[in-house]
N, C-alpha and C. Protein backbone atom coordinates (compact mmCIF):
# COMPACT_ATOMS: atom_id res chain seq x y z
N UNK A 1 48.58 -8.67 -10.17
CA UNK A 1 48.23 -7.87 -9.02
C UNK A 1 47.21 -6.79 -9.40
N UNK A 2 47.47 -6.10 -10.52
CA UNK A 2 46.56 -5.04 -10.96
C UNK A 2 45.18 -5.62 -11.27
N UNK A 3 45.18 -6.82 -11.83
CA UNK A 3 43.90 -7.44 -12.17
C UNK A 3 43.10 -7.74 -10.90
N UNK A 4 43.76 -8.20 -9.85
CA UNK A 4 43.08 -8.47 -8.58
C UNK A 4 42.50 -7.19 -7.99
N UNK A 5 43.23 -6.11 -8.11
CA UNK A 5 42.77 -4.82 -7.60
C UNK A 5 41.51 -4.38 -8.34
N UNK A 6 41.53 -4.51 -9.65
CA UNK A 6 40.37 -4.12 -10.46
C UNK A 6 39.17 -5.00 -10.11
N UNK A 7 39.38 -6.30 -10.00
CA UNK A 7 38.30 -7.22 -9.65
C UNK A 7 37.76 -6.87 -8.26
N UNK A 8 38.64 -6.58 -7.33
CA UNK A 8 38.23 -6.20 -5.97
C UNK A 8 37.40 -4.92 -5.99
N UNK A 9 37.83 -3.93 -6.78
CA UNK A 9 37.09 -2.68 -6.89
C UNK A 9 35.71 -2.89 -7.50
N UNK A 10 35.65 -3.72 -8.53
CA UNK A 10 34.37 -4.01 -9.18
C UNK A 10 33.42 -4.69 -8.19
N UNK A 11 33.92 -5.63 -7.43
CA UNK A 11 33.10 -6.31 -6.42
C UNK A 11 32.64 -5.32 -5.36
N UNK A 12 33.54 -4.47 -4.90
CA UNK A 12 33.19 -3.50 -3.86
C UNK A 12 32.13 -2.52 -4.36
N UNK A 13 32.29 -2.01 -5.57
CA UNK A 13 31.31 -1.08 -6.14
C UNK A 13 29.97 -1.79 -6.31
N UNK A 14 29.99 -3.03 -6.75
CA UNK A 14 28.75 -3.79 -6.92
C UNK A 14 28.04 -3.97 -5.58
N UNK A 15 28.80 -4.30 -4.54
CA UNK A 15 28.21 -4.47 -3.22
C UNK A 15 27.64 -3.16 -2.70
N UNK A 16 28.34 -2.06 -2.91
CA UNK A 16 27.85 -0.76 -2.49
C UNK A 16 26.58 -0.39 -3.25
N UNK A 17 26.55 -0.67 -4.54
CA UNK A 17 25.36 -0.37 -5.33
C UNK A 17 24.17 -1.20 -4.85
N UNK A 18 24.42 -2.47 -4.53
CA UNK A 18 23.34 -3.32 -4.03
C UNK A 18 22.84 -2.80 -2.68
N UNK A 19 23.76 -2.42 -1.81
CA UNK A 19 23.36 -1.90 -0.50
C UNK A 19 22.56 -0.62 -0.66
N UNK A 20 22.99 0.25 -1.58
CA UNK A 20 22.27 1.50 -1.81
C UNK A 20 20.87 1.22 -2.35
N UNK A 21 20.78 0.30 -3.32
CA UNK A 21 19.47 0.03 -3.90
C UNK A 21 18.54 -0.59 -2.87
N UNK A 22 19.06 -1.46 -1.99
CA UNK A 22 18.22 -2.04 -0.95
C UNK A 22 17.76 -0.96 0.03
N UNK A 23 18.67 -0.04 0.38
CA UNK A 23 18.30 1.05 1.28
C UNK A 23 17.28 1.96 0.60
N UNK A 24 17.49 2.25 -0.67
CA UNK A 24 16.55 3.08 -1.42
C UNK A 24 15.18 2.43 -1.47
N UNK A 25 15.14 1.11 -1.68
CA UNK A 25 13.87 0.39 -1.71
C UNK A 25 13.20 0.45 -0.35
N UNK A 26 14.00 0.33 0.73
CA UNK A 26 13.44 0.39 2.08
C UNK A 26 12.83 1.76 2.35
N UNK A 27 13.48 2.83 1.89
CA UNK A 27 12.95 4.18 2.06
C UNK A 27 11.65 4.31 1.27
N UNK A 28 11.64 3.81 0.04
CA UNK A 28 10.44 3.89 -0.79
C UNK A 28 9.30 3.09 -0.16
N UNK A 29 9.58 1.89 0.33
CA UNK A 29 8.55 1.07 0.98
C UNK A 29 8.02 1.76 2.22
N UNK A 30 8.90 2.39 2.97
CA UNK A 30 8.50 3.11 4.17
C UNK A 30 7.60 4.30 3.83
N UNK A 31 7.96 5.03 2.78
CA UNK A 31 7.15 6.18 2.35
C UNK A 31 5.76 5.72 1.90
N UNK A 32 5.70 4.62 1.17
CA UNK A 32 4.42 4.08 0.71
C UNK A 32 3.58 3.62 1.90
N UNK A 33 4.21 2.97 2.87
CA UNK A 33 3.49 2.52 4.06
C UNK A 33 2.95 3.71 4.86
N UNK A 34 3.78 4.73 5.03
CA UNK A 34 3.32 5.94 5.74
C UNK A 34 2.13 6.57 5.02
N UNK A 35 2.19 6.60 3.70
CA UNK A 35 1.10 7.14 2.89
C UNK A 35 -0.18 6.34 3.12
N UNK A 36 -0.07 5.02 3.11
CA UNK A 36 -1.24 4.16 3.31
C UNK A 36 -1.87 4.43 4.68
N UNK A 37 -1.04 4.57 5.70
CA UNK A 37 -1.55 4.85 7.05
C UNK A 37 -2.21 6.24 7.08
N UNK A 38 -1.62 7.22 6.40
CA UNK A 38 -2.20 8.56 6.39
C UNK A 38 -3.55 8.60 5.67
N UNK A 39 -3.77 7.66 4.75
CA UNK A 39 -5.05 7.60 4.06
C UNK A 39 -6.22 7.48 5.04
N UNK A 40 -5.98 6.84 6.16
CA UNK A 40 -7.04 6.65 7.17
C UNK A 40 -7.67 7.99 7.54
N UNK A 41 -6.83 9.03 7.62
CA UNK A 41 -7.32 10.35 8.03
C UNK A 41 -8.13 11.05 6.94
N UNK A 42 -8.05 10.57 5.69
CA UNK A 42 -8.71 11.24 4.57
C UNK A 42 -9.88 10.45 3.99
N UNK A 43 -10.16 9.30 4.59
CA UNK A 43 -11.25 8.45 4.09
C UNK A 43 -12.36 8.43 5.13
N UNK A 44 -13.59 8.54 4.63
CA UNK A 44 -14.75 8.44 5.50
C UNK A 44 -15.50 7.15 5.14
N UNK A 45 -15.64 6.27 6.14
CA UNK A 45 -16.35 5.02 5.96
C UNK A 45 -17.80 5.22 6.37
N UNK A 46 -18.72 4.38 5.87
CA UNK A 46 -20.10 4.45 6.34
C UNK A 46 -20.15 4.20 7.85
N UNK A 47 -21.18 4.68 8.50
CA UNK A 47 -21.33 4.54 9.95
C UNK A 47 -21.12 3.09 10.38
N UNK A 48 -20.26 2.92 11.37
CA UNK A 48 -20.00 1.59 11.92
C UNK A 48 -19.05 0.72 11.13
N UNK A 49 -18.51 1.22 10.02
CA UNK A 49 -17.64 0.40 9.18
C UNK A 49 -16.18 0.85 9.19
N UNK A 50 -15.87 1.95 9.88
CA UNK A 50 -14.51 2.49 9.86
C UNK A 50 -13.53 1.77 10.76
N UNK A 51 -14.04 0.95 11.68
CA UNK A 51 -13.18 0.15 12.56
C UNK A 51 -13.85 -1.19 12.80
N UNK A 52 -13.07 -2.12 13.35
CA UNK A 52 -13.67 -3.40 13.72
C UNK A 52 -14.35 -3.27 15.09
N UNK A 53 -14.86 -4.36 15.62
CA UNK A 53 -15.59 -4.33 16.89
C UNK A 53 -14.70 -3.82 18.04
N UNK A 54 -13.39 -4.02 17.93
CA UNK A 54 -12.47 -3.57 18.98
C UNK A 54 -11.98 -2.14 18.79
N UNK A 55 -12.51 -1.44 17.78
CA UNK A 55 -12.11 -0.05 17.54
C UNK A 55 -10.82 0.10 16.76
N UNK A 56 -10.41 -0.95 16.08
CA UNK A 56 -9.16 -0.94 15.33
C UNK A 56 -9.43 -0.86 13.83
N UNK A 57 -8.61 -0.09 13.11
CA UNK A 57 -8.62 -0.12 11.65
C UNK A 57 -7.76 -1.31 11.27
N UNK A 58 -8.34 -2.25 10.52
CA UNK A 58 -7.62 -3.48 10.19
C UNK A 58 -7.28 -3.47 8.70
N UNK A 59 -5.99 -3.63 8.43
CA UNK A 59 -5.47 -3.62 7.06
C UNK A 59 -5.01 -5.02 6.70
N UNK A 60 -5.48 -5.54 5.58
CA UNK A 60 -5.01 -6.82 5.06
C UNK A 60 -3.91 -6.54 4.04
N UNK A 61 -2.82 -7.27 4.15
CA UNK A 61 -1.76 -7.24 3.13
C UNK A 61 -1.87 -8.54 2.34
N UNK A 62 -2.19 -8.41 1.05
CA UNK A 62 -2.36 -9.58 0.21
C UNK A 62 -1.19 -9.66 -0.76
N UNK A 63 -0.44 -10.75 -0.70
CA UNK A 63 0.71 -10.91 -1.58
C UNK A 63 1.98 -10.38 -0.95
N UNK A 64 3.09 -10.77 -1.54
CA UNK A 64 4.40 -10.39 -1.02
C UNK A 64 4.81 -9.02 -1.55
N UNK A 65 5.26 -8.17 -0.65
CA UNK A 65 5.75 -6.85 -1.03
C UNK A 65 6.63 -6.31 0.09
N UNK A 66 7.69 -5.57 -0.24
CA UNK A 66 8.50 -4.93 0.80
C UNK A 66 7.68 -3.92 1.61
N UNK A 67 6.56 -3.49 1.06
CA UNK A 67 5.71 -2.52 1.76
C UNK A 67 5.06 -3.17 2.99
N UNK A 68 4.84 -4.48 2.96
CA UNK A 68 4.15 -5.16 4.05
C UNK A 68 4.84 -4.92 5.40
N UNK A 69 6.14 -5.18 5.48
CA UNK A 69 6.88 -5.00 6.74
C UNK A 69 6.88 -3.54 7.16
N UNK A 70 7.04 -2.66 6.19
CA UNK A 70 7.03 -1.22 6.50
C UNK A 70 5.65 -0.80 6.99
N UNK A 71 4.61 -1.43 6.49
CA UNK A 71 3.25 -1.12 6.90
C UNK A 71 3.01 -1.52 8.36
N UNK A 72 3.58 -2.63 8.78
CA UNK A 72 3.48 -3.05 10.18
C UNK A 72 4.13 -1.99 11.07
N UNK A 73 5.32 -1.51 10.68
CA UNK A 73 6.01 -0.47 11.46
C UNK A 73 5.19 0.82 11.51
N UNK A 74 4.67 1.23 10.37
CA UNK A 74 3.88 2.47 10.31
C UNK A 74 2.60 2.34 11.14
N UNK A 75 1.99 1.17 11.13
CA UNK A 75 0.77 0.94 11.92
C UNK A 75 1.08 1.02 13.41
N UNK A 76 2.23 0.52 13.80
CA UNK A 76 2.63 0.59 15.21
C UNK A 76 2.78 2.04 15.65
N UNK A 77 3.39 2.86 14.80
CA UNK A 77 3.55 4.29 15.11
C UNK A 77 2.19 4.97 15.22
N UNK A 78 1.28 4.68 14.28
CA UNK A 78 -0.05 5.28 14.29
C UNK A 78 -0.82 4.85 15.54
N UNK A 79 -0.67 3.59 15.92
CA UNK A 79 -1.34 3.09 17.12
C UNK A 79 -0.83 3.82 18.36
N UNK A 80 0.45 4.16 18.36
CA UNK A 80 1.03 4.90 19.48
C UNK A 80 0.43 6.30 19.59
N UNK A 81 -0.08 6.83 18.47
CA UNK A 81 -0.72 8.16 18.46
C UNK A 81 -2.17 8.11 18.93
N UNK A 82 -2.71 6.92 19.16
CA UNK A 82 -4.06 6.82 19.68
C UNK A 82 -5.03 6.00 18.87
N UNK A 83 -4.88 5.95 17.55
CA UNK A 83 -5.78 5.14 16.72
C UNK A 83 -5.17 3.75 16.56
N UNK A 84 -5.90 2.73 16.94
CA UNK A 84 -5.38 1.38 16.80
C UNK A 84 -5.44 0.95 15.33
N UNK A 85 -4.29 0.51 14.83
CA UNK A 85 -4.22 0.01 13.46
C UNK A 85 -3.56 -1.36 13.52
N UNK A 86 -4.22 -2.34 12.91
CA UNK A 86 -3.72 -3.70 12.89
C UNK A 86 -3.47 -4.11 11.45
N UNK A 87 -2.35 -4.79 11.22
CA UNK A 87 -2.00 -5.27 9.88
C UNK A 87 -1.95 -6.80 9.92
N UNK A 88 -2.65 -7.43 8.99
CA UNK A 88 -2.66 -8.89 8.90
C UNK A 88 -2.27 -9.30 7.48
N UNK A 89 -1.48 -10.35 7.37
CA UNK A 89 -1.09 -10.87 6.06
C UNK A 89 -2.04 -11.99 5.68
N UNK A 90 -2.57 -11.91 4.46
CA UNK A 90 -3.49 -12.93 3.95
C UNK A 90 -3.08 -13.34 2.54
N UNK A 91 -3.55 -14.49 2.11
CA UNK A 91 -3.26 -14.98 0.76
C UNK A 91 -4.32 -14.46 -0.21
N UNK A 92 -3.99 -14.41 -1.50
CA UNK A 92 -4.93 -13.88 -2.50
C UNK A 92 -6.31 -14.53 -2.50
N UNK A 93 -6.45 -15.77 -2.13
CA UNK A 93 -7.75 -16.43 -2.15
C UNK A 93 -8.52 -16.36 -0.83
N UNK A 94 -7.92 -15.77 0.20
CA UNK A 94 -8.56 -15.70 1.52
C UNK A 94 -9.73 -14.73 1.54
N UNK A 95 -10.71 -14.96 2.43
CA UNK A 95 -11.83 -14.01 2.57
C UNK A 95 -11.32 -12.65 3.06
N UNK A 96 -11.94 -11.58 2.60
CA UNK A 96 -11.49 -10.24 2.97
C UNK A 96 -12.57 -9.45 3.71
N UNK A 97 -13.61 -10.12 4.16
CA UNK A 97 -14.67 -9.44 4.92
C UNK A 97 -14.10 -8.98 6.26
N UNK A 98 -14.52 -7.81 6.67
CA UNK A 98 -14.11 -7.30 7.98
C UNK A 98 -12.88 -6.41 7.97
N UNK A 99 -12.22 -6.29 6.83
CA UNK A 99 -11.07 -5.40 6.73
C UNK A 99 -11.52 -4.02 6.28
N UNK A 100 -10.95 -2.98 6.85
CA UNK A 100 -11.27 -1.62 6.41
C UNK A 100 -10.42 -1.24 5.20
N UNK A 101 -9.22 -1.82 5.12
CA UNK A 101 -8.31 -1.52 4.01
C UNK A 101 -7.66 -2.82 3.54
N UNK A 102 -7.39 -2.90 2.25
CA UNK A 102 -6.67 -4.04 1.70
C UNK A 102 -5.53 -3.49 0.84
N UNK A 103 -4.29 -3.80 1.24
CA UNK A 103 -3.14 -3.45 0.42
C UNK A 103 -2.80 -4.65 -0.44
N UNK A 104 -2.82 -4.45 -1.75
CA UNK A 104 -2.56 -5.52 -2.70
C UNK A 104 -1.09 -5.45 -3.10
N UNK A 105 -0.30 -6.38 -2.56
CA UNK A 105 1.14 -6.38 -2.81
C UNK A 105 1.54 -7.18 -4.03
N UNK A 106 0.63 -7.99 -4.52
CA UNK A 106 0.92 -8.78 -5.71
C UNK A 106 0.54 -7.99 -6.96
N UNK A 107 1.32 -8.15 -8.02
CA UNK A 107 1.00 -7.49 -9.28
C UNK A 107 0.46 -8.47 -10.31
N UNK A 108 0.10 -9.66 -9.86
CA UNK A 108 -0.47 -10.67 -10.73
C UNK A 108 -1.95 -10.36 -10.97
N UNK A 109 -2.34 -10.23 -12.22
CA UNK A 109 -3.72 -9.85 -12.55
C UNK A 109 -4.73 -10.93 -12.17
N UNK A 110 -4.34 -12.20 -12.21
CA UNK A 110 -5.26 -13.26 -11.78
C UNK A 110 -5.52 -13.14 -10.28
N UNK A 111 -4.47 -12.85 -9.50
CA UNK A 111 -4.64 -12.62 -8.06
C UNK A 111 -5.50 -11.39 -7.82
N UNK A 112 -5.28 -10.35 -8.61
CA UNK A 112 -6.07 -9.12 -8.47
C UNK A 112 -7.55 -9.42 -8.66
N UNK A 113 -7.87 -10.22 -9.67
CA UNK A 113 -9.27 -10.56 -9.93
C UNK A 113 -9.89 -11.27 -8.72
N UNK A 114 -9.15 -12.19 -8.10
CA UNK A 114 -9.64 -12.90 -6.91
C UNK A 114 -9.87 -11.91 -5.76
N UNK A 115 -8.91 -11.01 -5.59
CA UNK A 115 -8.99 -10.05 -4.49
C UNK A 115 -10.17 -9.12 -4.68
N UNK A 116 -10.32 -8.59 -5.89
CA UNK A 116 -11.42 -7.66 -6.16
C UNK A 116 -12.77 -8.36 -6.02
N UNK A 117 -12.85 -9.62 -6.39
CA UNK A 117 -14.09 -10.37 -6.23
C UNK A 117 -14.38 -10.56 -4.73
N UNK A 118 -13.36 -10.86 -3.95
CA UNK A 118 -13.54 -11.06 -2.51
C UNK A 118 -13.98 -9.77 -1.82
N UNK A 119 -13.48 -8.64 -2.28
CA UNK A 119 -13.86 -7.35 -1.69
C UNK A 119 -15.26 -6.95 -2.15
N UNK A 120 -15.55 -7.16 -3.43
CA UNK A 120 -16.86 -6.79 -3.98
C UNK A 120 -17.11 -5.30 -3.81
N UNK A 121 -18.30 -4.94 -3.36
CA UNK A 121 -18.62 -3.53 -3.13
C UNK A 121 -18.63 -3.19 -1.64
N UNK A 122 -17.95 -4.00 -0.85
CA UNK A 122 -17.85 -3.74 0.60
C UNK A 122 -17.14 -2.40 0.83
N UNK A 123 -17.40 -1.75 1.94
CA UNK A 123 -16.73 -0.48 2.23
C UNK A 123 -15.29 -0.71 2.69
N UNK A 124 -14.51 -1.25 1.79
CA UNK A 124 -13.11 -1.58 2.06
C UNK A 124 -12.25 -0.83 1.06
N UNK A 125 -11.35 0.00 1.56
CA UNK A 125 -10.45 0.76 0.70
C UNK A 125 -9.37 -0.16 0.14
N UNK A 126 -9.30 -0.28 -1.19
CA UNK A 126 -8.28 -1.11 -1.82
C UNK A 126 -7.14 -0.22 -2.29
N UNK A 127 -5.91 -0.69 -2.04
CA UNK A 127 -4.70 0.08 -2.36
C UNK A 127 -3.70 -0.86 -3.01
N UNK A 128 -3.00 -0.35 -4.01
CA UNK A 128 -1.98 -1.14 -4.68
C UNK A 128 -0.84 -0.23 -5.10
N UNK A 129 0.25 -0.84 -5.55
CA UNK A 129 1.33 -0.06 -6.15
C UNK A 129 1.77 -0.72 -7.45
N UNK A 130 0.80 -1.28 -8.16
CA UNK A 130 1.08 -1.95 -9.43
C UNK A 130 0.53 -1.14 -10.59
N UNK A 131 1.28 -1.06 -11.65
CA UNK A 131 0.93 -0.26 -12.81
C UNK A 131 -0.47 -0.58 -13.33
N UNK A 132 -1.27 0.47 -13.51
CA UNK A 132 -2.61 0.42 -14.09
C UNK A 132 -3.67 -0.28 -13.25
N UNK A 133 -3.39 -0.63 -12.00
CA UNK A 133 -4.39 -1.34 -11.21
C UNK A 133 -5.60 -0.48 -10.88
N UNK A 134 -5.48 0.84 -10.88
CA UNK A 134 -6.65 1.69 -10.64
C UNK A 134 -7.65 1.50 -11.78
N UNK A 135 -7.16 1.22 -12.95
CA UNK A 135 -8.04 0.99 -14.10
C UNK A 135 -8.78 -0.34 -14.01
N UNK A 136 -8.29 -1.22 -13.12
CA UNK A 136 -8.95 -2.52 -12.90
C UNK A 136 -9.80 -2.51 -11.63
N UNK A 137 -10.03 -1.32 -11.05
CA UNK A 137 -10.93 -1.22 -9.92
C UNK A 137 -10.30 -0.93 -8.57
N UNK A 138 -8.97 -0.96 -8.48
CA UNK A 138 -8.32 -0.61 -7.22
C UNK A 138 -8.59 0.87 -6.95
N UNK A 139 -8.92 1.20 -5.72
CA UNK A 139 -9.33 2.57 -5.40
C UNK A 139 -8.18 3.56 -5.36
N UNK A 140 -7.08 3.17 -4.72
CA UNK A 140 -5.91 4.05 -4.64
C UNK A 140 -4.72 3.26 -5.15
N UNK A 141 -4.07 3.77 -6.17
CA UNK A 141 -2.92 3.10 -6.76
C UNK A 141 -1.70 4.01 -6.64
N UNK A 142 -0.70 3.53 -5.90
CA UNK A 142 0.54 4.28 -5.72
C UNK A 142 1.39 4.07 -6.97
N UNK A 143 1.83 5.15 -7.57
CA UNK A 143 2.53 5.08 -8.85
C UNK A 143 4.02 4.80 -8.68
N UNK A 144 4.59 4.20 -9.71
CA UNK A 144 6.02 3.90 -9.71
C UNK A 144 6.88 5.16 -9.73
N UNK A 145 6.30 6.27 -10.18
CA UNK A 145 7.06 7.51 -10.27
C UNK A 145 7.30 8.15 -8.91
N UNK A 146 6.81 7.52 -7.84
CA UNK A 146 7.01 8.06 -6.50
C UNK A 146 8.52 8.16 -6.25
N UNK A 147 8.91 9.26 -5.64
CA UNK A 147 10.33 9.50 -5.40
C UNK A 147 10.56 9.77 -3.93
N UNK A 148 11.40 8.91 -3.31
CA UNK A 148 11.71 9.12 -1.91
C UNK A 148 10.46 9.17 -1.07
N UNK A 149 10.30 10.27 -0.34
CA UNK A 149 9.13 10.38 0.54
C UNK A 149 7.93 11.01 -0.16
N UNK A 150 8.10 11.44 -1.42
CA UNK A 150 6.99 12.03 -2.17
C UNK A 150 6.27 10.92 -2.95
N UNK A 151 5.03 10.70 -2.58
CA UNK A 151 4.25 9.62 -3.18
C UNK A 151 3.26 10.18 -4.18
N UNK A 152 3.29 9.65 -5.39
CA UNK A 152 2.31 10.01 -6.42
C UNK A 152 1.31 8.87 -6.52
N UNK A 153 0.04 9.22 -6.77
CA UNK A 153 -0.98 8.19 -6.72
C UNK A 153 -2.18 8.55 -7.59
N UNK A 154 -2.95 7.50 -7.91
CA UNK A 154 -4.19 7.63 -8.65
C UNK A 154 -5.34 7.23 -7.73
N UNK A 155 -6.51 7.80 -7.97
CA UNK A 155 -7.70 7.41 -7.24
C UNK A 155 -8.81 7.10 -8.26
N UNK A 156 -9.40 5.92 -8.11
CA UNK A 156 -10.53 5.53 -8.94
C UNK A 156 -11.79 5.94 -8.18
N UNK A 157 -12.31 7.11 -8.49
CA UNK A 157 -13.44 7.66 -7.74
C UNK A 157 -14.73 6.85 -7.93
N UNK A 158 -14.86 6.18 -9.05
CA UNK A 158 -16.06 5.36 -9.29
C UNK A 158 -16.13 4.20 -8.30
N UNK A 159 -15.03 3.46 -8.14
CA UNK A 159 -15.07 2.32 -7.22
C UNK A 159 -15.14 2.80 -5.76
N UNK A 160 -14.56 3.96 -5.47
CA UNK A 160 -14.68 4.52 -4.12
C UNK A 160 -16.15 4.78 -3.81
N UNK A 161 -16.84 5.41 -4.76
CA UNK A 161 -18.26 5.74 -4.58
C UNK A 161 -19.11 4.47 -4.47
N UNK A 162 -18.85 3.48 -5.33
CA UNK A 162 -19.61 2.23 -5.30
C UNK A 162 -19.49 1.52 -3.96
N UNK A 163 -18.37 1.70 -3.28
CA UNK A 163 -18.14 1.05 -1.98
C UNK A 163 -18.73 1.86 -0.82
N UNK A 164 -19.26 3.04 -1.13
CA UNK A 164 -19.84 3.87 -0.08
C UNK A 164 -18.82 4.63 0.73
N UNK A 165 -17.61 4.75 0.20
CA UNK A 165 -16.55 5.49 0.88
C UNK A 165 -16.49 6.91 0.33
N UNK A 166 -15.91 7.80 1.11
CA UNK A 166 -15.67 9.17 0.66
C UNK A 166 -14.21 9.51 0.93
N UNK A 167 -13.57 10.06 -0.09
CA UNK A 167 -12.18 10.49 0.06
C UNK A 167 -12.18 12.01 0.08
N UNK A 168 -11.47 12.57 1.05
CA UNK A 168 -11.42 14.01 1.24
C UNK A 168 -10.93 14.76 0.01
N UNK A 169 -11.51 15.95 -0.19
CA UNK A 169 -11.16 16.78 -1.34
C UNK A 169 -9.69 17.17 -1.34
N UNK A 170 -9.12 17.36 -0.16
CA UNK A 170 -7.70 17.72 -0.07
C UNK A 170 -6.83 16.64 -0.69
N UNK A 171 -7.16 15.39 -0.42
CA UNK A 171 -6.39 14.28 -0.97
C UNK A 171 -6.62 14.15 -2.47
N UNK A 172 -7.85 14.34 -2.90
CA UNK A 172 -8.16 14.22 -4.33
C UNK A 172 -7.44 15.27 -5.16
N UNK A 173 -7.19 16.45 -4.58
CA UNK A 173 -6.45 17.50 -5.29
C UNK A 173 -5.04 17.06 -5.62
N UNK A 174 -4.47 16.17 -4.81
CA UNK A 174 -3.09 15.70 -5.01
C UNK A 174 -3.01 14.47 -5.92
N UNK A 175 -4.16 13.88 -6.21
CA UNK A 175 -4.19 12.63 -6.96
C UNK A 175 -4.43 12.85 -8.44
N UNK A 176 -4.09 11.83 -9.22
CA UNK A 176 -4.57 11.73 -10.58
C UNK A 176 -5.88 10.96 -10.47
N UNK A 177 -6.97 11.57 -10.88
CA UNK A 177 -8.29 10.95 -10.73
C UNK A 177 -8.60 10.14 -11.97
N UNK A 178 -8.99 8.89 -11.74
CA UNK A 178 -9.32 7.95 -12.83
C UNK A 178 -10.84 7.87 -12.91
């Protein structure tokens, strides 16, 4: 009987820990998505490149990530505030022309190379949350050290400049500049 109680407690604690970690991941994904949407307010695109023909900021999500679903929710909230934001899911080899932002959800370096080649020097803000991706040309890299709603990030100012984008000084003060 005592053994069954111990086994039951171990199972219950394990289930609670899993539920907590999933909830914690959802909060982290939501915070990252909110951050990505807020980037829109701090980035200046070249004339005529900040929205699509319909006046929408279009974000491509490349690769699988819990941030993708949270990004759709955050975009819906931002759209309700007046700026239309559209999120589309694409595969790593798909064309990326016409997107104002690309969130790279895959941490595979071969996929990253394909994505960066597809973006080229277009005025498209690239964002990732994979270790060291800013050093491989991603413009904004959300760091793993992000805690809860506080997001830490790197900005690769060279690739931002090459794409003809400008990131506000207020945002750069909060970033680790690469």
